[in-house]
PDB file of all heavy atoms in Angstrom:
ATOM      1  N   ALA A   1      30.543  -5.181  23.030  1.00  0.00           N
ATOM      2  CA  ALA A   1      29.149  -5.173  22.576  1.00  0.00           C
ATOM      3  C   ALA A   1      28.598  -3.747  22.545  1.00  0.00           C
ATOM      4  O   ALA A   1      27.898  -3.357  21.603  1.00  0.00           O
ATOM      5  CB  ALA A   1      28.298  -6.054  23.489  1.00  0.00           C
ATOM      6  N   VAL A   2      28.937  -2.968  23.574  1.00  0.00           N
ATOM      7  CA  VAL A   2      28.479  -1.582  23.627  1.00  0.00           C
ATOM      8  C   VAL A   2      29.120  -0.775  22.503  1.00  0.00           C
ATOM      9  O   VAL A   2      28.466   0.041  21.845  1.00  0.00           O
ATOM     10  CB  VAL A   2      28.803  -0.956  24.990  1.00  0.00           C
ATOM     11  CG1 VAL A   2      28.487   0.540  24.998  1.00  0.00           C
ATOM     12  CG2 VAL A   2      28.040  -1.668  26.100  1.00  0.00           C
ATOM     13  N   LEU A   3      30.404  -1.014  22.268  1.00  0.00           N
ATOM     14  CA  LEU A   3      31.110  -0.281  21.222  1.00  0.00           C
ATOM     15  C   LEU A   3      30.499  -0.565  19.854  1.00  0.00           C
ATOM     16  O   LEU A   3      30.284   0.356  19.043  1.00  0.00           O
ATOM     17  CB  LEU A   3      32.589  -0.664  21.242  1.00  0.00           C
ATOM     18  CG  LEU A   3      33.566   0.243  20.501  1.00  0.00           C
ATOM     19  CD1 LEU A   3      33.501   1.663  21.023  1.00  0.00           C
ATOM     20  CD2 LEU A   3      34.976  -0.309  20.612  1.00  0.00           C
ATOM     21  N   ARG A   4      30.205  -1.825  19.568  1.00  0.00           N
ATOM     22  CA  ARG A   4      29.575  -2.170  18.291  1.00  0.00           C
ATOM     23  C   ARG A   4      28.210  -1.495  18.157  1.00  0.00           C
ATOM     24  O   ARG A   4      27.858  -0.988  17.079  1.00  0.00           O
ATOM     25  CB  ARG A   4      29.436  -3.687  18.169  1.00  0.00           C
ATOM     26  CG  ARG A   4      30.724  -4.417  17.835  1.00  0.00           C
ATOM     27  CD  ARG A   4      30.443  -5.840  17.405  1.00  0.00           C
ATOM     28  NE  ARG A   4      29.884  -6.619  18.494  1.00  0.00           N
ATOM     29  CZ  ARG A   4      30.603  -7.307  19.376  1.00  0.00           C
ATOM     30  NH1 ARG A   4      31.929  -7.296  19.271  1.00  0.00           N
ATOM     31  NH2 ARG A   4      30.026  -7.997  20.326  1.00  0.00           N
ATOM     32  N   GLN A   5      27.446  -1.499  19.250  1.00  0.00           N
ATOM     33  CA  GLN A   5      26.133  -0.867  19.217  1.00  0.00           C
ATOM     34  C   GLN A   5      26.238   0.625  18.932  1.00  0.00           C
ATOM     35  O   GLN A   5      25.451   1.190  18.168  1.00  0.00           O
ATOM     36  CB  GLN A   5      25.407  -1.113  20.551  1.00  0.00           C
ATOM     37  CG  GLN A   5      23.983  -0.611  20.597  1.00  0.00           C
ATOM     38  CD  GLN A   5      23.862   0.843  21.067  1.00  0.00           C
ATOM     39  OE1 GLN A   5      24.709   1.310  21.820  1.00  0.00           O
ATOM     40  NE2 GLN A   5      22.828   1.527  20.617  1.00  0.00           N
ATOM     41  N   GLN A   6      27.232   1.258  19.533  1.00  0.00           N
ATOM     42  CA  GLN A   6      27.420   2.693  19.321  1.00  0.00           C
ATOM     43  C   GLN A   6      27.872   3.000  17.899  1.00  0.00           C
ATOM     44  O   GLN A   6      27.450   3.999  17.304  1.00  0.00           O
ATOM     45  CB  GLN A   6      28.416   3.254  20.331  1.00  0.00           C
ATOM     46  CG  GLN A   6      27.883   3.326  21.742  1.00  0.00           C
ATOM     47  CD  GLN A   6      26.621   4.165  21.829  1.00  0.00           C
ATOM     48  OE1 GLN A   6      26.599   5.321  21.445  1.00  0.00           O
ATOM     49  NE2 GLN A   6      25.544   3.562  22.333  1.00  0.00           N
ATOM     50  N   VAL A   7      28.717   2.158  17.335  1.00  0.00           N
ATOM     51  CA  VAL A   7      29.140   2.366  15.951  1.00  0.00           C
ATOM     52  C   VAL A   7      27.942   2.282  15.016  1.00  0.00           C
ATOM     53  O   VAL A   7      27.770   3.114  14.116  1.00  0.00           O
ATOM     54  CB  VAL A   7      30.221   1.334  15.558  1.00  0.00           C
ATOM     55  CG1 VAL A   7      30.472   1.371  14.045  1.00  0.00           C
ATOM     56  CG2 VAL A   7      31.524   1.613  16.300  1.00  0.00           C
ATOM     57  N   ASP A   8      27.092   1.280  15.222  1.00  0.00           N
ATOM     58  CA  ASP A   8      25.894   1.155  14.391  1.00  0.00           C
ATOM     59  C   ASP A   8      24.998   2.388  14.544  1.00  0.00           C
ATOM     60  O   ASP A   8      24.461   2.913  13.557  1.00  0.00           O
ATOM     61  CB  ASP A   8      25.108  -0.103  14.783  1.00  0.00           C
ATOM     62  CG  ASP A   8      25.823  -1.385  14.373  1.00  0.00           C
ATOM     63  OD1 ASP A   8      26.694  -1.307  13.490  1.00  0.00           O
ATOM     64  OD2 ASP A   8      25.514  -2.442  14.938  1.00  0.00           O
ATOM     65  N   ARG A   9      24.824   2.837  15.769  1.00  0.00           N
ATOM     66  CA  ARG A   9      23.989   4.022  16.019  1.00  0.00           C
ATOM     67  C   ARG A   9      24.572   5.247  15.340  1.00  0.00           C
ATOM     68  O   ARG A   9      23.840   6.035  14.711  1.00  0.00           O
ATOM     69  CB  ARG A   9      23.882   4.266  17.521  1.00  0.00           C
ATOM     70  CG  ARG A   9      23.073   5.512  17.888  1.00  0.00           C
ATOM     71  CD  ARG A   9      23.093   5.772  19.384  1.00  0.00           C
ATOM     72  NE  ARG A   9      24.379   6.202  19.877  1.00  0.00           N
ATOM     73  CZ  ARG A   9      24.805   7.476  19.859  1.00  0.00           C
ATOM     74  NH1 ARG A   9      24.032   8.424  19.345  1.00  0.00           N
ATOM     75  NH2 ARG A   9      26.001   7.787  20.330  1.00  0.00           N
ATOM     76  N   MET A  10      25.869   5.434  15.463  1.00  0.00           N
ATOM     77  CA  MET A  10      26.494   6.625  14.910  1.00  0.00           C
ATOM     78  C   MET A  10      26.488   6.617  13.387  1.00  0.00           C
ATOM     79  O   MET A  10      26.331   7.664  12.750  1.00  0.00           O
ATOM     80  CB  MET A  10      27.916   6.747  15.444  1.00  0.00           C
ATOM     81  CG  MET A  10      27.981   6.963  16.959  1.00  0.00           C
ATOM     82  SD  MET A  10      29.658   6.912  17.612  1.00  0.00           S
ATOM     83  CE  MET A  10      30.310   8.451  16.939  1.00  0.00           C
ATOM     84  N   LEU A  11      26.663   5.448  12.776  1.00  0.00           N
ATOM     85  CA  LEU A  11      26.631   5.379  11.318  1.00  0.00           C
ATOM     86  C   LEU A  11      25.238   5.656  10.770  1.00  0.00           C
ATOM     87  O   LEU A  11      25.089   6.089   9.621  1.00  0.00           O
ATOM     88  CB  LEU A  11      27.114   4.004  10.852  1.00  0.00           C
ATOM     89  CG  LEU A  11      28.608   3.738  11.008  1.00  0.00           C
ATOM     90  CD1 LEU A  11      28.943   2.308  10.633  1.00  0.00           C
ATOM     91  CD2 LEU A  11      29.427   4.711  10.156  1.00  0.00           C
ATOM     92  N   ALA A  12      24.218   5.399  11.585  1.00  0.00           N
ATOM     93  CA  ALA A  12      22.845   5.676  11.158  1.00  0.00           C
ATOM     94  C   ALA A  12      22.474   7.143  11.342  1.00  0.00           C
ATOM     95  O   ALA A  12      21.437   7.589  10.837  1.00  0.00           O
ATOM     96  CB  ALA A  12      21.866   4.795  11.932  1.00  0.00           C
ATOM     97  N   ASP A  13      23.296   7.888  12.047  1.00  0.00           N
ATOM     98  CA  ASP A  13      23.040   9.296  12.296  1.00  0.00           C
ATOM     99  C   ASP A  13      23.430  10.129  11.069  1.00  0.00           C
ATOM    100  O   ASP A  13      24.432   9.836  10.408  1.00  0.00           O
ATOM    101  CB  ASP A  13      23.843   9.759  13.517  1.00  0.00           C
ATOM    102  CG  ASP A  13      23.424  11.126  14.000  1.00  0.00           C
ATOM    103  OD1 ASP A  13      23.760  12.128  13.321  1.00  0.00           O
ATOM    104  OD2 ASP A  13      22.786  11.221  15.067  1.00  0.00           O
ATOM    105  N   PRO A  14      22.660  11.169  10.733  1.00  0.00           N
ATOM    106  CA  PRO A  14      23.028  12.017   9.582  1.00  0.00           C
ATOM    107  C   PRO A  14      24.434  12.607   9.689  1.00  0.00           C
ATOM    108  O   PRO A  14      25.051  12.911   8.668  1.00  0.00           O
ATOM    109  CB  PRO A  14      21.963  13.125   9.627  1.00  0.00           C
ATOM    110  CG  PRO A  14      20.784  12.490  10.292  1.00  0.00           C
ATOM    111  CD  PRO A  14      21.362  11.551  11.314  1.00  0.00           C
ATOM    112  N   LYS A  15      24.954  12.751  10.908  1.00  0.00           N
ATOM    113  CA  LYS A  15      26.300  13.309  11.044  1.00  0.00           C
ATOM    114  C   LYS A  15      27.371  12.400  10.465  1.00  0.00           C
ATOM    115  O   LYS A  15      28.509  12.825  10.236  1.00  0.00           O
ATOM    116  CB  LYS A  15      26.601  13.599  12.518  1.00  0.00           C
ATOM    117  CG  LYS A  15      25.864  14.796  13.067  1.00  0.00           C
ATOM    118  CD  LYS A  15      26.358  15.208  14.440  1.00  0.00           C
ATOM    119  CE  LYS A  15      25.980  14.228  15.526  1.00  0.00           C
ATOM    120  NZ  LYS A  15      26.321  14.723  16.865  1.00  0.00           N
ATOM    121  N   ALA A  16      27.014  11.114  10.218  1.00  0.00           N
ATOM    122  CA  ALA A  16      27.981  10.189   9.625  1.00  0.00           C
ATOM    123  C   ALA A  16      28.336  10.571   8.195  1.00  0.00           C
ATOM    124  O   ALA A  16      29.322  10.067   7.648  1.00  0.00           O
ATOM    125  CB  ALA A  16      27.444   8.760   9.677  1.00  0.00           C
ATOM    126  N   ARG A  17      27.546  11.462   7.590  1.00  0.00           N
ATOM    127  CA  ARG A  17      27.902  11.962   6.257  1.00  0.00           C
ATOM    128  C   ARG A  17      29.286  12.592   6.263  1.00  0.00           C
ATOM    129  O   ARG A  17      29.993  12.587   5.258  1.00  0.00           O
ATOM    130  CB  ARG A  17      26.886  12.995   5.774  1.00  0.00           C
ATOM    131  CG  ARG A  17      25.536  12.419   5.391  1.00  0.00           C
ATOM    132  CD  ARG A  17      24.590  13.532   4.956  1.00  0.00           C
ATOM    133  NE  ARG A  17      25.158  14.291   3.844  1.00  0.00           N
ATOM    134  CZ  ARG A  17      24.975  13.995   2.580  1.00  0.00           C
ATOM    135  NH1 ARG A  17      24.243  12.943   2.261  1.00  0.00           N
ATOM    136  NH2 ARG A  17      25.510  14.736   1.630  1.00  0.00           N
ATOM    137  N   ALA A  18      29.677  13.143   7.414  1.00  0.00           N
ATOM    138  CA  ALA A  18      30.986  13.788   7.497  1.00  0.00           C
ATOM    139  C   ALA A  18      32.107  12.809   7.198  1.00  0.00           C
ATOM    140  O   ALA A  18      33.122  13.177   6.601  1.00  0.00           O
ATOM    141  CB  ALA A  18      31.182  14.399   8.883  1.00  0.00           C
ATOM    142  N   PHE A  19      31.931  11.552   7.609  1.00  0.00           N
ATOM    143  CA  PHE A  19      32.982  10.564   7.363  1.00  0.00           C
ATOM    144  C   PHE A  19      33.158  10.316   5.869  1.00  0.00           C
ATOM    145  O   PHE A  19      34.273  10.386   5.343  1.00  0.00           O
ATOM    146  CB  PHE A  19      32.651   9.257   8.075  1.00  0.00           C
ATOM    147  CG  PHE A  19      33.590   8.124   7.706  1.00  0.00           C
ATOM    148  CD1 PHE A  19      34.880   8.097   8.208  1.00  0.00           C
ATOM    149  CD2 PHE A  19      33.181   7.120   6.852  1.00  0.00           C
ATOM    150  CE1 PHE A  19      35.747   7.072   7.862  1.00  0.00           C
ATOM    151  CE2 PHE A  19      34.041   6.098   6.498  1.00  0.00           C
ATOM    152  CZ  PHE A  19      35.335   6.070   7.003  1.00  0.00           C
ATOM    153  N   THR A  20      32.050  10.047   5.181  1.00  0.00           N
ATOM    154  CA  THR A  20      32.175   9.762   3.754  1.00  0.00           C
ATOM    155  C   THR A  20      32.608  11.001   2.978  1.00  0.00           C
ATOM    156  O   THR A  20      33.425  10.917   2.057  1.00  0.00           O
ATOM    157  CB  THR A  20      30.841   9.236   3.191  1.00  0.00           C
ATOM    158  OG1 THR A  20      29.790  10.142   3.550  1.00  0.00           O
ATOM    159  CG2 THR A  20      30.522   7.872   3.752  1.00  0.00           C
ATOM    160  N   GLU A  21      32.071  12.156   3.358  1.00  0.00           N
ATOM    161  CA  GLU A  21      32.439  13.378   2.636  1.00  0.00           C
ATOM    162  C   GLU A  21      33.903  13.725   2.835  1.00  0.00           C
ATOM    163  O   GLU A  21      34.612  14.052   1.872  1.00  0.00           O
ATOM    164  CB  GLU A  21      31.557  14.536   3.090  1.00  0.00           C
ATOM    165  CG  GLU A  21      30.104  14.414   2.633  1.00  0.00           C
ATOM    166  CD  GLU A  21      29.218  15.492   3.220  1.00  0.00           C
ATOM    167  OE1 GLU A  21      29.711  16.248   4.085  1.00  0.00           O
ATOM    168  OE2 GLU A  21      28.038  15.572   2.834  1.00  0.00           O
ATOM    169  N   ASN A  22      34.383  13.652   4.078  1.00  0.00           N
ATOM    170  CA  ASN A  22      35.765  14.044   4.343  1.00  0.00           C
ATOM    171  C   ASN A  22      36.757  12.996   3.866  1.00  0.00           C
ATOM    172  O   ASN A  22      37.778  13.326   3.254  1.00  0.00           O
ATOM    173  CB  ASN A  22      35.967  14.293   5.840  1.00  0.00           C
ATOM    174  CG  ASN A  22      35.170  15.483   6.332  1.00  0.00           C
ATOM    175  OD1 ASN A  22      34.965  16.434   5.602  1.00  0.00           O
ATOM    176  ND2 ASN A  22      34.713  15.419   7.565  1.00  0.00           N
ATOM    177  N   PHE A  23      36.464  11.734   4.136  1.00  0.00           N
ATOM    178  CA  PHE A  23      37.423  10.697   3.755  1.00  0.00           C
ATOM    179  C   PHE A  23      37.482  10.528   2.238  1.00  0.00           C
ATOM    180  O   PHE A  23      38.557  10.627   1.640  1.00  0.00           O
ATOM    181  CB  PHE A  23      37.064   9.370   4.424  1.00  0.00           C
ATOM    182  CG  PHE A  23      37.962   8.236   3.999  1.00  0.00           C
ATOM    183  CD1 PHE A  23      39.275   8.185   4.454  1.00  0.00           C
ATOM    184  CD2 PHE A  23      37.508   7.251   3.142  1.00  0.00           C
ATOM    185  CE1 PHE A  23      40.119   7.163   4.051  1.00  0.00           C
ATOM    186  CE2 PHE A  23      38.347   6.225   2.740  1.00  0.00           C
ATOM    187  CZ  PHE A  23      39.656   6.175   3.199  1.00  0.00           C
ATOM    188  N   THR A  24      36.336  10.267   1.612  1.00  0.00           N
ATOM    189  CA  THR A  24      36.378  10.056   0.171  1.00  0.00           C
ATOM    190  C   THR A  24      36.710  11.346  -0.574  1.00  0.00           C
ATOM    191  O   THR A  24      37.325  11.313  -1.634  1.00  0.00           O
ATOM    192  CB  THR A  24      35.028   9.508  -0.345  1.00  0.00           C
ATOM    193  OG1 THR A  24      33.988  10.430  -0.017  1.00  0.00           O
ATOM    194  CG2 THR A  24      34.720   8.165   0.292  1.00  0.00           C
ATOM    195  N   GLY A  25      36.298  12.481   0.001  1.00  0.00           N
ATOM    196  CA  GLY A  25      36.621  13.744  -0.645  1.00  0.00           C
ATOM    197  C   GLY A  25      38.110  13.970  -0.764  1.00  0.00           C
ATOM    198  O   GLY A  25      38.580  14.572  -1.744  1.00  0.00           O
ATOM    199  N   GLN A  26      38.858  13.469   0.215  1.00  0.00           N
ATOM    200  CA  GLN A  26      40.312  13.596   0.160  1.00  0.00           C
ATOM    201  C   GLN A  26      40.952  12.408  -0.542  1.00  0.00           C
ATOM    202  O   GLN A  26      41.862  12.565  -1.353  1.00  0.00           O
ATOM    203  CB  GLN A  26      40.851  13.734   1.590  1.00  0.00           C
ATOM    204  CG  GLN A  26      40.355  14.988   2.281  1.00  0.00           C
ATOM    205  CD  GLN A  26      40.852  15.087   3.707  1.00  0.00           C
ATOM    206  OE1 GLN A  26      41.978  15.507   3.954  1.00  0.00           O
ATOM    207  NE2 GLN A  26      40.006  14.689   4.647  1.00  0.00           N
TER     208      GLN A  26
END
């Protein structure tokens, strides 16, 4: 439950742009 909550929090953070930029960029 804590892990799911943290994933939701982190995806809502502007730093999550790094995931889409790096993954899709490659």
